[in-house]
Each structure stands twice: as C-alpha cells, then as structure tokens.
Amino acid sequence: MRPLRIAFVASEIAPLAKTGGLADVSAALPRFLLQRGHDLRVFLPFYSTLRTAGAEPLPVEFLQDLTLEMGGHGFHWSVWTLQLPGTGVWVHLIRCPELYDRPRLYSGDEDDAFRFAFLSRATLEACQRMGFAPEILHCNDWHTSLTPLYLRSEVGWDGLFAATKTVLTLHNVAYQGIFGSHLLPALDLEEHSSLLHQEHLSHGYINFLETGLLYADALTTVSPTHASEIQTDTYGMGLQGLLRQRSSDLVGILNGVDYEIWSPETDELIPARYSAADLSGKDLCRKQLLEGMGLPSEPLGGGPGQRPPVLGIVSRLVSQKGFDLLMESLPFFLRDQGVRLVVLGEGEKRFEVFFSDLSRRFSDRVAYFRGYEERLAHWIEAGADLFLMPSRYEPCGLNQMYSLRYGTPPVVRRTGGLADAVSAFDPRTGEGTGFLFDHLTSYGFSWALDQALATWRHPDAWRKLQANGMAADFSWGRQTRRYEALYRQVAGG
C-alpha cells in the first residue's frame, strides 16, 4: 500500500522532553510509522531544557528568523531539526525563546495557553513553508488540541491542506487545558468564537481539549476499555456527553512497548540479561536491586516460595494512581508477611511522606527513591517479583506491560489499559498473566496481593505465570498497524 504523508505534533517526546507516558508514545509511534515507509514530519517545542542525548540540533536554513503574528503580537521563531537518538526519526523543533526558554515543560498558568497554541500555529506554518501537505495531522492531548480549529480558521484557505484530516489522541482526559475566555484575542480566536463551545464561553472559559473533540476528524484513546470508560459520568471528567456524541469517531488503541528498549534479553541497563527459558539472570537482578537500594541481600538460587517477594513501584505518586489504597494495607504485609518494597517516584506530598515513613519504620524491608532515574526504573522491573499498580483510573499504562515482559507479574486494578493488558491468573488452568481487583478499596487491593502471595508459594505455578506474561505481545509493531488502518480509513473518508 502507498505511504501516507503524516504530521505528528506533541508537547513531549522521549528522551528529548518527558514528564509521562505521552513522551514514550510520541517517540515510539513515529519510529514505527517511519519503518513502515510513511512520509513523516514530527513537531516538538525547542525547550531550553531539551535533553538531546548527545545529538546536535541543526538549523533548517530556510526556516530561520521567522515572525508569526498571534493576537497582534509578533513572535520570533525558527525551526531546528534533530534525529531522535537511536532512530531514523527527524524531529522538527519549534524554537521560540520567548515561549520555550523556561525551567519546566509546563508553567501551570495561563502562559501555557500561548505556548501551546503557538505550537499548533507554528506547525501549520512550518508545513506551508516546507510545502508538506499532510494527509493525516496527528495531535496529542490538550496541548495540540487547537490544531484542528486553526486548520479551519487560520489556514483553511490554503489548498495545501485540502485533503488533510486530523486525528486527536486523548492520553489523559483529566488534563484539558482550561483558560479564561479573556485570552481569545491573544489566541486569534475572538473572530472565530462562534466555533467554540458557547455555553462555556458564557461562563468565561475555553477548554482546549474540548475544542479538539469538536473539530478533529477522528478521536483515539490509549486502550479499548478506557474508550468506553471516558463516555461514562465516572471517568469522562465533564467531557462524557461530547464523547458519547462522537462515539462513532472514537477508537481505543492500546499503547505498545518498544521491546528494543524494554526486554530483559537485550536490556543494557540491568545487571544481567535473562529470558523465559533461563531466569537465572533475574535472580541476579533481584540481588543487585536489594544491595543497590541498601536492603539486606540474600544468596542466589532461592526461588519463589523460598524467600519473601520483592514488590516494585515506579510511578508518579498522585491520587490517580491509587496509592491511598496501600496506606492501610502495606504495613501489614511488610510486618506480617515479610515482603520487601522498592519505590521510585515523586508527586503529592502525602504519598512521598508515606513511603519515606515506611522506609524508616521498615528500614530493612523498604527503600524509597524520590524522583525518577531511568536505570533504576529498569532495575526495579527486572529485580522485583511483583509490580504494584492500584490505579483509580489508568488510560493505558506502560509499566504493567514492561513488567509482564520482565517476568514480574503485576497486581493491578481492573481499569483502562490495565484491564486490557493483564488477565487474571487461574492456578487451576495455568492461564493468566497477573492479579486484578475491582473494588477501589484497601480491602480490594489486599485481596489481590493475597492472591499473588498464595501463588508465590507454589514455584511451578509461579514459573507458569511468568512464562505467560513474558510471551504476551504488546509490541509497537503490532499496535502501529492499527493506527495505520485508522489513518487510511480517515484519509479515505
């Protein structure tokens, strides 16, 4: 089949700029689209905090010293390019020091409205100046959700975009980009206000994500279960009515895993490589993890049922992730079941304090590293015996899929991508890949962890469970074909 012309725009791309899973998706999907032969342009702000991993950004000579008028203000900008480390993907960096020379990716105030509206506008103008006519313009989350509207209101006259269709992916509907309507003139939207949600305008605000939902040709979210969940009052975050109206245009495509990065057979960041056929390297990873985190180590060779399991957590420590469910139950498991716990993450103060207190109360069983460190994240996936994800909601999640590949069965709540990626282990049939609970309570989590510990005591069942998870295929190569099919459907329509 013929290649498609695709423009992909996002506020994060790993490893250049990352705060969450959006960055991982924005790195992997373009890479696999390129491998399948598509003509691709990727756009990202040129943040002053960009992590280039040794790659050298280069100026695009004919896209320098430009001025873009927005709301009567002339923003000076240019386009640079950089090859995404380890891939053939060239990222077009929108350089505007006035907007992107900041200490953080997101400022958290109304200034972000200009910063990301500009990203949308500059992406369209860059395509014009390059003479690139995308058949698909793929936007991601609220930051780029004005793009479909700007395509209509600002460059609709340009025949270059006559065949362009837009796809908007909702990575997390909790973050919507809500700003006061007094910003409309500065965003070049005052004369197009009739195209915005009128009731919300009357209440004095504009919702970027909602605007994208109104005008994108197709909508995706990052798991089939979450596509259904966000149409309910419980998970729709106020957008459920609009999402139900557009349900025929909404599809859930589970995120993929880049197994060139996340696989214990090839991972260069872990102490020892291993496979489902030979798990001895996992024992060494466990030993090194405990020693590296200052916890008592143990001799090699002790398998499931012969030692207390190590529980792992790698996460943003926020209420969405359900860690309040652990506050009552984890001390019991540490005290009476002898489990170990290694935590990597930062976020809300109450959770940071909770895990810090646990590491003091159970200094020989709990280790907490505040922040994020890529090598340690890989070490925990490889060295832990169980991985905990008790999320209130989880649009997709990636760590549960990493954990399966590393032979580290996950304990998860049955929601979003966790429900789609993990199946409940049945010791009678030997089928399943992990442990799930439904009820958003401490009891629900404790029940699932009890099931996991009961299975841990039976080495043959545990090895079968590990083998099931390590055989699961959540590769980006597989998931990319689903995006490709959607693109062709939308472009053909």
Protein backbone atom coordinates (compact mmCIF):
# COMPACT_ATOMS: atom_id res chain seq x y z
CA MET A 1 0.00 0.00 0.00
CA ARG A 2 1.22 3.51 -0.74
CA PRO A 3 2.82 5.53 2.06
CA LEU A 4 0.87 8.30 3.80
CA ARG A 5 2.03 11.85 4.50
CA ILE A 6 1.74 12.29 8.27
CA ALA A 7 2.43 15.29 10.54
CA PHE A 8 2.74 14.35 14.20
CA VAL A 9 2.73 17.09 16.85
CA ALA A 10 3.18 16.68 20.61
CA SER A 11 4.36 18.56 23.68
CA GLU A 12 6.66 15.70 24.77
CA ILE A 13 8.87 13.17 23.02
CA ALA A 14 11.26 10.86 24.89
CA PRO A 15 14.08 11.23 25.64
CA LEU A 16 14.12 14.87 24.49
CA ALA A 17 11.32 16.09 26.76
CA LYS A 18 9.42 13.84 29.11
CA THR A 19 7.15 14.03 32.13
CA GLY A 20 5.00 10.94 31.46
CA GLY A 21 3.80 8.24 29.10
CA LEU A 22 2.86 10.71 26.35
CA ALA A 23 6.57 11.15 25.66
CA ASP A 24 7.12 7.40 25.24
CA VAL A 25 4.22 7.07 22.81
CA SER A 26 5.34 10.14 20.86
CA ALA A 27 8.77 8.58 20.41
CA ALA A 28 7.69 5.05 19.55
CA LEU A 29 4.72 5.53 17.21
CA PRO A 30 6.55 7.83 14.73
CA ARG A 31 9.51 5.49 14.74
CA PHE A 32 7.40 2.51 13.71
CA LEU A 33 5.39 4.56 11.22
CA LEU A 34 8.68 5.54 9.59
CA GLN A 35 9.78 1.91 9.49
CA ARG A 36 6.58 1.12 7.59
CA GLY A 37 7.58 3.61 4.93
CA HIS A 38 5.38 6.63 5.67
CA ASP A 39 6.46 10.22 4.93
CA LEU A 40 6.62 11.69 8.42
CA ARG A 41 7.15 15.12 9.98
CA VAL A 42 7.32 15.31 13.79
CA PHE A 43 6.97 18.64 15.64
CA LEU A 44 8.02 19.49 19.21
CA PRO A 45 8.82 22.74 21.05
CA PHE A 46 12.55 23.51 21.31
CA TYR A 47 12.56 23.70 25.11
CA SER A 48 15.65 25.15 26.75
CA THR A 49 15.65 22.02 28.93
CA LEU A 50 15.74 19.67 25.93
CA ARG A 51 17.74 16.51 26.64
CA THR A 52 19.48 15.80 23.34
CA ALA A 53 21.41 12.69 24.49
CA GLY A 54 24.44 13.86 22.53
CA ALA A 55 22.59 14.58 19.28
CA GLU A 56 23.23 18.01 17.78
CA PRO A 57 20.21 20.17 16.81
CA LEU A 58 20.72 21.71 13.37
CA PRO A 59 19.01 24.81 11.98
CA VAL A 60 16.72 24.33 8.98
CA GLU A 61 18.26 27.04 6.83
CA PHE A 62 15.12 28.24 5.07
CA LEU A 63 13.12 28.29 8.33
CA GLN A 64 15.13 30.82 10.31
CA ASP A 65 14.34 34.36 11.54
CA LEU A 66 10.59 33.98 11.05
CA THR A 67 7.80 36.04 12.60
CA LEU A 68 4.33 34.72 13.37
CA GLU A 69 1.63 37.22 14.33
CA MET A 70 -0.71 35.94 17.00
CA GLY A 71 -3.15 38.24 18.75
CA GLY A 72 -1.34 41.31 17.45
CA HIS A 73 2.00 40.16 18.88
CA GLY A 74 4.87 39.14 16.65
CA PHE A 75 6.60 36.01 17.90
CA HIS A 76 10.09 35.45 16.50
CA TRP A 77 10.74 31.80 15.78
CA SER A 78 12.67 29.30 13.71
CA VAL A 79 12.81 25.57 13.06
CA TRP A 80 15.68 23.34 14.00
CA THR A 81 15.92 19.61 13.50
CA LEU A 82 17.43 16.72 15.40
CA GLN A 83 17.45 12.98 14.84
CA LEU A 84 15.75 11.14 17.66
CA PRO A 85 18.55 9.12 19.29
CA GLY A 86 18.66 5.54 18.07
CA THR A 87 16.04 6.04 15.35
CA GLY A 88 15.69 7.44 11.86
CA VAL A 89 13.07 9.96 13.01
CA TRP A 90 13.92 13.63 12.45
CA VAL A 91 12.11 15.88 14.92
CA HIS A 92 11.33 19.44 13.85
CA LEU A 93 11.94 21.68 16.86
CA ILE A 94 9.89 24.88 17.05
CA ARG A 95 12.30 27.39 18.55
CA CYS A 96 10.78 30.47 20.17
CA PRO A 97 12.86 31.52 23.20
CA GLU A 98 10.14 33.90 24.38
CA LEU A 99 7.86 30.91 24.94
CA TYR A 100 10.05 27.85 25.46
CA ASP A 101 13.09 29.04 27.40
CA ARG A 102 11.63 28.04 30.77
CA PRO A 103 12.88 25.83 33.61
CA ARG A 104 9.95 23.38 33.18
CA LEU A 105 7.98 21.98 30.25
CA TYR A 106 4.72 23.28 31.71
CA SER A 107 4.34 26.51 33.63
CA GLY A 108 0.94 25.59 35.08
CA ASP A 109 -0.60 29.02 34.46
CA GLU A 110 -2.30 30.85 31.59
CA ASP A 111 1.04 31.36 29.88
CA ASP A 112 0.76 27.75 28.72
CA ALA A 113 -2.22 28.75 26.57
CA PHE A 114 0.06 30.87 24.36
CA ARG A 115 2.94 28.41 24.41
CA PHE A 116 0.92 25.52 23.05
CA ALA A 117 -1.45 27.48 20.83
CA PHE A 118 1.74 28.76 19.21
CA LEU A 119 2.96 25.19 18.74
CA SER A 120 -0.20 24.43 16.75
CA ARG A 121 0.08 27.59 14.65
CA ALA A 122 3.80 27.16 14.01
CA THR A 123 3.34 23.52 12.98
CA LEU A 124 0.84 24.54 10.32
CA GLU A 125 3.05 27.37 9.06
CA ALA A 126 6.12 25.10 9.01
CA CYS A 127 4.19 22.65 6.83
CA GLN A 128 3.26 25.52 4.50
CA ARG A 129 6.85 26.74 4.20
CA MET A 130 8.09 23.18 3.58
CA GLY A 131 5.38 22.56 1.01
CA PHE A 132 4.38 19.49 3.02
CA ALA A 133 0.72 18.53 2.56
CA PRO A 134 -0.14 16.07 5.34
CA GLU A 135 -2.95 13.64 4.71
CA ILE A 136 -3.04 12.98 8.47
CA LEU A 137 -2.26 15.57 11.15
CA HIS A 138 -1.98 13.63 14.41
CA CYS A 139 -2.44 15.75 17.56
CA ASN A 140 -1.89 14.66 21.16
CA ASP A 141 -3.69 15.81 24.32
CA TRP A 142 -4.85 19.33 25.12
CA HIS A 143 -1.57 21.00 24.21
CA THR A 144 -2.17 20.49 20.49
CA SER A 145 -5.98 20.31 20.52
CA LEU A 146 -6.47 23.74 18.93
CA THR A 147 -4.75 22.47 15.77
CA PRO A 148 -7.94 21.15 14.09
CA LEU A 149 -9.65 24.51 14.70
CA TYR A 150 -6.66 26.54 13.48
CA LEU A 151 -6.57 24.31 10.41
CA ARG A 152 -10.06 25.56 9.64
CA SER A 153 -9.86 29.15 10.87
CA GLU A 154 -6.31 30.23 10.00
CA VAL A 155 -5.15 28.18 7.01
CA GLY A 156 -8.40 26.82 5.63
CA TRP A 157 -7.84 28.99 2.54
CA ASP A 158 -4.65 27.12 1.64
CA GLY A 159 -5.20 24.28 -0.81
CA LEU A 160 -2.12 22.60 0.64
CA PHE A 161 -4.38 21.33 3.43
CA ALA A 162 -7.39 20.50 1.24
CA ALA A 163 -7.05 16.76 1.91
CA THR A 164 -5.74 16.98 5.49
CA LYS A 165 -7.64 15.02 8.13
CA THR A 166 -6.97 15.34 11.85
CA VAL A 167 -6.61 12.64 14.49
CA LEU A 168 -6.61 13.61 18.18
CA THR A 169 -5.32 11.14 20.77
CA LEU A 170 -6.55 11.51 24.35
CA HIS A 171 -3.78 10.27 26.60
CA ASN A 172 -5.40 11.57 29.79
CA VAL A 173 -8.73 13.44 29.77
CA ALA A 174 -8.14 14.72 33.30
CA TYR A 175 -5.83 17.37 31.79
CA GLN A 176 -7.91 19.58 29.50
CA GLY A 177 -6.20 22.96 29.14
CA ILE A 178 -8.89 25.25 30.57
CA PHE A 179 -8.22 29.00 30.33
CA GLY A 180 -10.15 32.22 30.70
CA SER A 181 -12.04 33.48 27.66
CA HIS A 182 -10.30 36.87 28.02
CA LEU A 183 -7.40 35.20 26.18
CA LEU A 184 -9.39 34.74 22.95
CA PRO A 185 -7.99 37.87 21.23
CA ALA A 186 -4.41 36.88 22.06
CA LEU A 187 -5.07 33.37 20.70
CA ASP A 188 -6.52 34.73 17.43
CA LEU A 189 -9.87 33.16 18.30
CA GLU A 190 -12.07 36.18 19.02
CA GLU A 191 -13.43 36.44 15.49
CA HIS A 192 -13.93 32.66 15.46
CA SER A 193 -15.65 32.48 18.84
CA SER A 194 -18.83 31.17 17.19
CA LEU A 195 -16.90 27.93 16.58
CA LEU A 196 -16.22 27.41 20.29
CA HIS A 197 -18.45 25.84 22.94
CA GLN A 198 -20.94 28.63 23.53
CA GLU A 199 -22.15 27.68 26.99
CA HIS A 200 -18.62 27.50 28.32
CA LEU A 201 -17.74 30.80 26.69
CA SER A 202 -20.71 32.34 28.50
CA HIS A 203 -19.20 31.06 31.73
CA GLY A 204 -15.92 32.74 30.89
CA TYR A 205 -13.59 29.96 29.77
CA ILE A 206 -12.28 27.99 26.82
CA ASN A 207 -11.35 24.31 27.01
CA PHE A 208 -8.57 23.33 24.59
CA LEU A 209 -9.25 19.59 24.73
CA GLU A 210 -12.98 20.06 24.29
CA THR A 211 -12.30 22.20 21.22
CA GLY A 212 -10.21 19.40 19.76
CA LEU A 213 -13.04 16.94 20.39
CA LEU A 214 -15.37 19.21 18.43
CA TYR A 215 -13.20 19.50 15.33
CA ALA A 216 -10.85 16.52 14.98
CA ASP A 217 -11.93 14.10 12.26
CA ALA A 218 -11.12 11.05 14.38
CA LEU A 219 -10.53 10.51 18.09
CA THR A 220 -8.42 7.86 19.74
CA THR A 221 -7.54 6.99 23.27
CA VAL A 222 -4.90 4.65 24.55
CA SER A 223 -6.86 1.50 25.37
CA PRO A 224 -10.18 -0.06 24.32
CA THR A 225 -11.51 -0.21 27.89
CA HIS A 226 -10.68 3.45 28.50
CA ALA A 227 -12.51 4.42 25.30
CA SER A 228 -15.66 3.05 26.92
CA GLU A 229 -14.87 4.41 30.39
CA ILE A 230 -14.48 8.02 29.34
CA GLN A 231 -18.00 8.04 27.95
CA THR A 232 -19.34 7.49 31.49
CA ASP A 233 -20.00 10.06 34.19
CA THR A 234 -17.38 8.41 36.41
CA TYR A 235 -14.41 8.76 34.06
CA GLY A 236 -15.44 11.37 31.49
CA MET A 237 -14.15 14.32 33.53
CA GLY A 238 -17.00 16.51 32.27
CA LEU A 239 -16.47 15.59 28.62
CA GLN A 240 -18.57 12.41 28.66
CA GLY A 241 -21.54 13.98 26.88
CA LEU A 242 -19.44 15.17 23.96
CA LEU A 243 -17.56 11.88 23.85
CA ARG A 244 -20.83 9.97 23.70
CA GLN A 245 -21.95 12.19 20.83
CA ARG A 246 -18.75 11.34 18.99
CA SER A 247 -18.60 7.67 19.99
CA SER A 248 -18.65 6.52 16.36
CA ASP A 249 -15.44 8.51 15.78
CA LEU A 250 -13.70 7.28 18.94
CA VAL A 251 -11.48 4.20 18.97
CA GLY A 252 -9.28 2.75 21.69
CA ILE A 253 -5.84 1.52 20.60
CA LEU A 254 -3.66 0.10 23.35
CA ASN A 255 -0.23 1.67 23.56
CA GLY A 256 2.66 -0.53 22.58
CA VAL A 257 6.00 -1.39 24.10
CA ASP A 258 9.32 -0.86 22.38
CA TYR A 259 10.93 -4.24 23.04
CA GLU A 260 14.27 -2.99 21.75
CA ILE A 261 14.37 -0.88 24.92
CA TRP A 262 12.20 -2.88 27.32
CA SER A 263 13.23 -6.53 27.14
CA PRO A 264 15.32 -8.47 29.68
CA GLU A 265 17.05 -10.34 26.85
CA THR A 266 18.69 -7.17 25.50
CA ASP A 267 18.37 -4.51 28.23
CA GLU A 268 21.79 -2.93 28.75
CA LEU A 269 20.69 -1.06 31.87
CA ILE A 270 20.09 -4.13 34.07
CA PRO A 271 22.80 -6.15 35.85
CA ALA A 272 22.12 -9.38 33.95
CA ARG A 273 20.15 -10.41 30.88
CA TYR A 274 17.66 -13.29 31.04
CA SER A 275 14.77 -14.92 29.21
CA ALA A 276 11.74 -17.08 29.92
CA ALA A 277 13.89 -20.13 29.17
CA ASP A 278 16.59 -19.10 31.65
CA LEU A 279 15.55 -16.87 34.56
CA SER A 280 18.83 -17.10 36.47
CA GLY A 281 19.67 -13.56 35.42
CA LYS A 282 16.51 -12.31 37.14
CA ASP A 283 17.79 -13.69 40.44
CA LEU A 284 20.97 -11.66 39.99
CA CYS A 285 18.91 -8.56 39.13
CA ARG A 286 16.94 -9.02 42.34
CA LYS A 287 20.12 -9.37 44.40
CA GLN A 288 21.68 -6.26 42.83
CA LEU A 289 18.47 -4.26 43.28
CA LEU A 290 18.32 -5.03 47.00
CA GLU A 291 22.00 -4.28 47.52
CA GLY A 292 21.85 -1.13 45.42
CA MET A 293 18.92 0.19 47.46
CA GLY A 294 20.61 -0.58 50.77
CA LEU A 295 18.39 -3.51 51.72
CA PRO A 296 19.66 -6.86 53.08
CA SER A 297 20.62 -9.10 50.21
CA GLU A 298 20.39 -12.87 50.03
CA PRO A 299 22.23 -15.73 48.36
CA LEU A 300 21.46 -16.54 44.74
CA GLY A 301 19.30 -19.53 43.93
CA GLY A 302 16.37 -19.01 46.27
CA GLY A 303 13.31 -19.27 44.04
CA PRO A 304 9.62 -18.48 44.53
CA GLY A 305 8.25 -19.71 47.84
CA GLN A 306 11.73 -19.84 49.42
CA ARG A 307 12.08 -16.15 50.23
CA PRO A 308 9.85 -13.09 50.71
CA PRO A 309 8.90 -11.47 47.39
CA VAL A 310 10.10 -8.00 46.40
CA LEU A 311 7.30 -5.60 45.47
CA GLY A 312 8.14 -2.83 42.99
CA ILE A 313 6.59 0.57 42.23
CA VAL A 314 7.67 3.03 39.52
CA SER A 315 5.16 5.83 39.23
CA ARG A 316 4.11 9.41 39.63
CA LEU A 317 2.83 9.49 43.21
CA VAL A 318 -0.56 11.08 42.59
CA SER A 319 -4.10 10.23 43.62
CA GLN A 320 -4.94 8.88 40.14
CA LYS A 321 -2.51 6.03 40.81
CA GLY A 322 -4.48 4.78 43.84
CA PHE A 323 -1.68 4.77 46.38
CA ASP A 324 -4.05 5.76 49.16
CA LEU A 325 -5.31 2.14 48.96
CA LEU A 326 -1.88 1.00 50.14
CA MET A 327 -1.65 3.23 53.21
CA GLU A 328 -3.65 0.91 55.43
CA SER A 329 -2.66 -2.44 53.98
CA LEU A 330 1.05 -2.26 53.12
CA PRO A 331 2.31 -2.02 56.73
CA PHE A 332 0.53 -5.31 57.46
CA PHE A 333 2.15 -7.09 54.54
CA LEU A 334 5.56 -5.70 55.50
CA ARG A 335 5.20 -6.62 59.14
CA ASP A 336 3.40 -9.98 58.98
CA GLN A 337 4.21 -11.30 55.51
CA GLY A 338 7.82 -10.14 55.36
CA VAL A 339 7.59 -8.71 51.85
CA ARG A 340 10.17 -6.22 50.59
CA LEU A 341 9.25 -2.97 48.81
CA VAL A 342 11.24 -0.74 46.43
CA VAL A 343 9.61 2.53 45.29
CA LEU A 344 10.72 5.02 42.65
CA GLY A 345 8.66 8.19 42.17
CA GLU A 346 7.62 11.63 43.31
CA GLY A 347 4.41 13.63 43.39
CA GLU A 348 1.91 14.52 46.08
CA LYS A 349 3.45 15.26 49.45
CA ARG A 350 1.23 12.81 51.35
CA PHE A 351 2.47 9.87 49.28
CA GLU A 352 6.10 10.94 49.44
CA VAL A 353 5.77 11.20 53.23
CA PHE A 354 4.03 7.80 53.40
CA PHE A 355 6.78 5.96 51.53
CA SER A 356 9.52 7.87 53.37
CA ASP A 357 7.94 6.88 56.71
CA LEU A 358 7.70 3.26 55.58
CA SER A 359 11.40 3.25 54.68
CA ARG A 360 12.20 4.46 58.21
CA ARG A 361 9.79 2.12 60.03
CA PHE A 362 10.86 -0.90 57.98
CA SER A 363 14.43 0.09 57.16
CA ASP A 364 15.42 -3.50 56.37
CA ARG A 365 12.44 -4.06 54.05
CA VAL A 366 11.56 -0.78 52.31
CA ALA A 367 13.62 1.52 50.09
CA TYR A 368 12.25 4.73 48.59
CA PHE A 369 13.99 6.83 45.93
CA ARG A 370 12.31 10.20 45.44
CA GLY A 371 12.35 11.34 41.81
CA TYR A 372 12.93 9.43 38.60
CA GLU A 373 16.02 7.63 37.38
CA GLU A 374 15.86 5.61 34.15
CA ARG A 375 18.36 2.94 35.15
CA LEU A 376 16.62 2.35 38.47
CA ALA A 377 13.28 2.01 36.69
CA HIS A 378 14.75 -0.82 34.61
CA TRP A 379 16.34 -2.38 37.69
CA ILE A 380 13.01 -2.46 39.52
CA GLU A 381 11.22 -4.04 36.56
CA ALA A 382 13.89 -6.74 36.36
CA GLY A 383 14.65 -7.22 40.05
CA ALA A 384 11.18 -7.10 41.61
CA ASP A 385 8.97 -10.18 41.91
CA LEU A 386 5.65 -8.30 41.78
CA PHE A 387 4.75 -4.88 40.38
CA LEU A 388 2.01 -2.78 42.01
CA MET A 389 -0.39 -0.54 40.01
CA PRO A 390 -3.56 0.04 42.09
CA SER A 391 -4.79 2.88 39.85
CA ARG A 392 -8.10 4.67 40.31
CA TYR A 393 -8.09 5.03 36.53
CA GLU A 394 -5.38 4.31 34.01
CA PRO A 395 -5.94 5.32 30.38
CA CYS A 396 -3.31 2.83 29.27
CA GLY A 397 -0.28 2.46 31.49
CA LEU A 398 3.00 1.05 30.25
CA ASN A 399 4.64 -0.37 33.34
CA GLN A 400 2.25 -3.30 33.54
CA MET A 401 3.35 -4.30 30.02
CA TYR A 402 7.02 -3.78 30.87
CA SER A 403 6.53 -5.93 33.97
CA LEU A 404 4.98 -8.78 32.00
CA ARG A 405 7.97 -8.89 29.65
CA TYR A 406 10.38 -8.88 32.62
CA GLY A 407 8.65 -11.81 34.34
CA THR A 408 7.38 -9.54 37.12
CA PRO A 409 3.63 -10.26 37.43
CA PRO A 410 1.59 -7.08 38.03
CA VAL A 411 -1.04 -6.51 40.70
CA VAL A 412 -3.47 -4.03 39.15
CA ARG A 413 -6.93 -2.61 39.43
CA ARG A 414 -9.25 -3.66 36.61
CA THR A 415 -9.48 -0.33 34.76
CA GLY A 416 -8.42 1.14 31.41
CA GLY A 417 -5.30 -0.32 29.84
CA LEU A 418 -4.58 -2.37 32.96
CA ALA A 419 -7.74 -4.39 32.27
CA ASP A 420 -6.78 -4.77 28.60
CA ALA A 421 -3.19 -5.85 29.20
CA VAL A 422 -3.42 -8.07 32.30
CA SER A 423 -5.57 -11.19 32.64
CA ALA A 424 -6.29 -12.84 35.98
CA PHE A 425 -4.14 -15.88 36.71
CA ASP A 426 -6.08 -19.11 37.34
CA PRO A 427 -3.88 -21.72 39.07
CA ARG A 428 -6.29 -24.50 38.03
CA THR A 429 -5.87 -23.88 34.31
CA GLY A 430 -2.47 -22.16 34.34
CA GLU A 431 -3.90 -19.31 32.27
CA GLY A 432 -3.50 -15.61 33.01
CA THR A 433 -0.70 -13.10 33.50
CA GLY A 434 -1.31 -11.24 36.76
CA PHE A 435 -3.67 -10.30 39.58
CA LEU A 436 -6.62 -7.90 39.30
CA PHE A 437 -9.10 -6.36 41.72
CA ASP A 438 -12.28 -4.42 41.05
CA HIS A 439 -13.20 -2.58 44.24
CA LEU A 440 -11.45 0.74 44.83
CA THR A 441 -10.75 -0.05 48.48
CA SER A 442 -7.84 -1.13 50.64
CA TYR A 443 -9.59 -4.47 51.00
CA GLY A 444 -9.76 -4.90 47.23
CA PHE A 445 -6.01 -4.31 46.88
CA SER A 446 -5.24 -6.59 49.86
CA TRP A 447 -7.33 -9.37 48.34
CA ALA A 448 -5.36 -9.22 45.07
CA LEU A 449 -1.99 -9.11 46.83
CA ASP A 450 -3.06 -12.10 48.96
CA GLN A 451 -3.81 -14.00 45.74
CA ALA A 452 -0.37 -13.11 44.43
CA LEU A 453 1.39 -14.23 47.62
CA ALA A 454 -0.56 -17.51 47.63
CA THR A 455 0.65 -18.19 44.08
CA TRP A 456 4.20 -17.17 45.02
CA ARG A 457 4.31 -20.09 47.46
CA HIS A 458 3.92 -22.56 44.57
CA PRO A 459 7.05 -22.37 42.37
CA ASP A 460 5.62 -24.33 39.43
CA ALA A 461 2.54 -22.13 39.23
CA TRP A 462 4.70 -19.02 39.55
CA ARG A 463 7.00 -20.05 36.72
CA LYS A 464 3.97 -20.71 34.53
CA LEU A 465 2.60 -17.27 35.40
CA GLN A 466 5.92 -15.65 34.49
CA ALA A 467 6.12 -17.54 31.20
CA ASN A 468 2.60 -16.43 30.26
CA GLY A 469 3.43 -12.78 30.81
CA MET A 470 6.78 -12.92 29.04
CA ALA A 471 5.09 -14.45 25.98
CA ALA A 472 2.49 -11.67 25.66
CA ASP A 473 2.95 -9.41 22.63
CA PHE A 474 2.30 -5.70 23.11
CA SER A 475 4.87 -4.60 20.54
CA TRP A 476 4.59 -1.25 18.82
CA GLY A 477 4.92 -3.03 15.50
CA ARG A 478 1.58 -4.67 16.17
CA GLN A 479 -0.15 -1.56 17.51
CA THR A 480 1.20 0.71 14.76
CA ARG A 481 -0.72 -1.28 12.16
CA ARG A 482 -3.94 -0.35 13.98
CA TYR A 483 -3.10 3.35 13.75
CA GLU A 484 -2.18 2.85 10.13
CA ALA A 485 -5.57 1.26 9.41
CA LEU A 486 -7.32 4.17 11.14
CA TYR A 487 -5.30 6.73 9.17
CA ARG A 488 -6.24 5.08 5.88
CA GLN A 489 -9.87 4.93 6.87
CA VAL A 490 -9.92 8.62 7.86
CA ALA A 491 -7.91 9.77 4.84
CA GLY A 492 -10.05 7.71 2.50
CA GLY A 493 -13.22 9.09 4.08
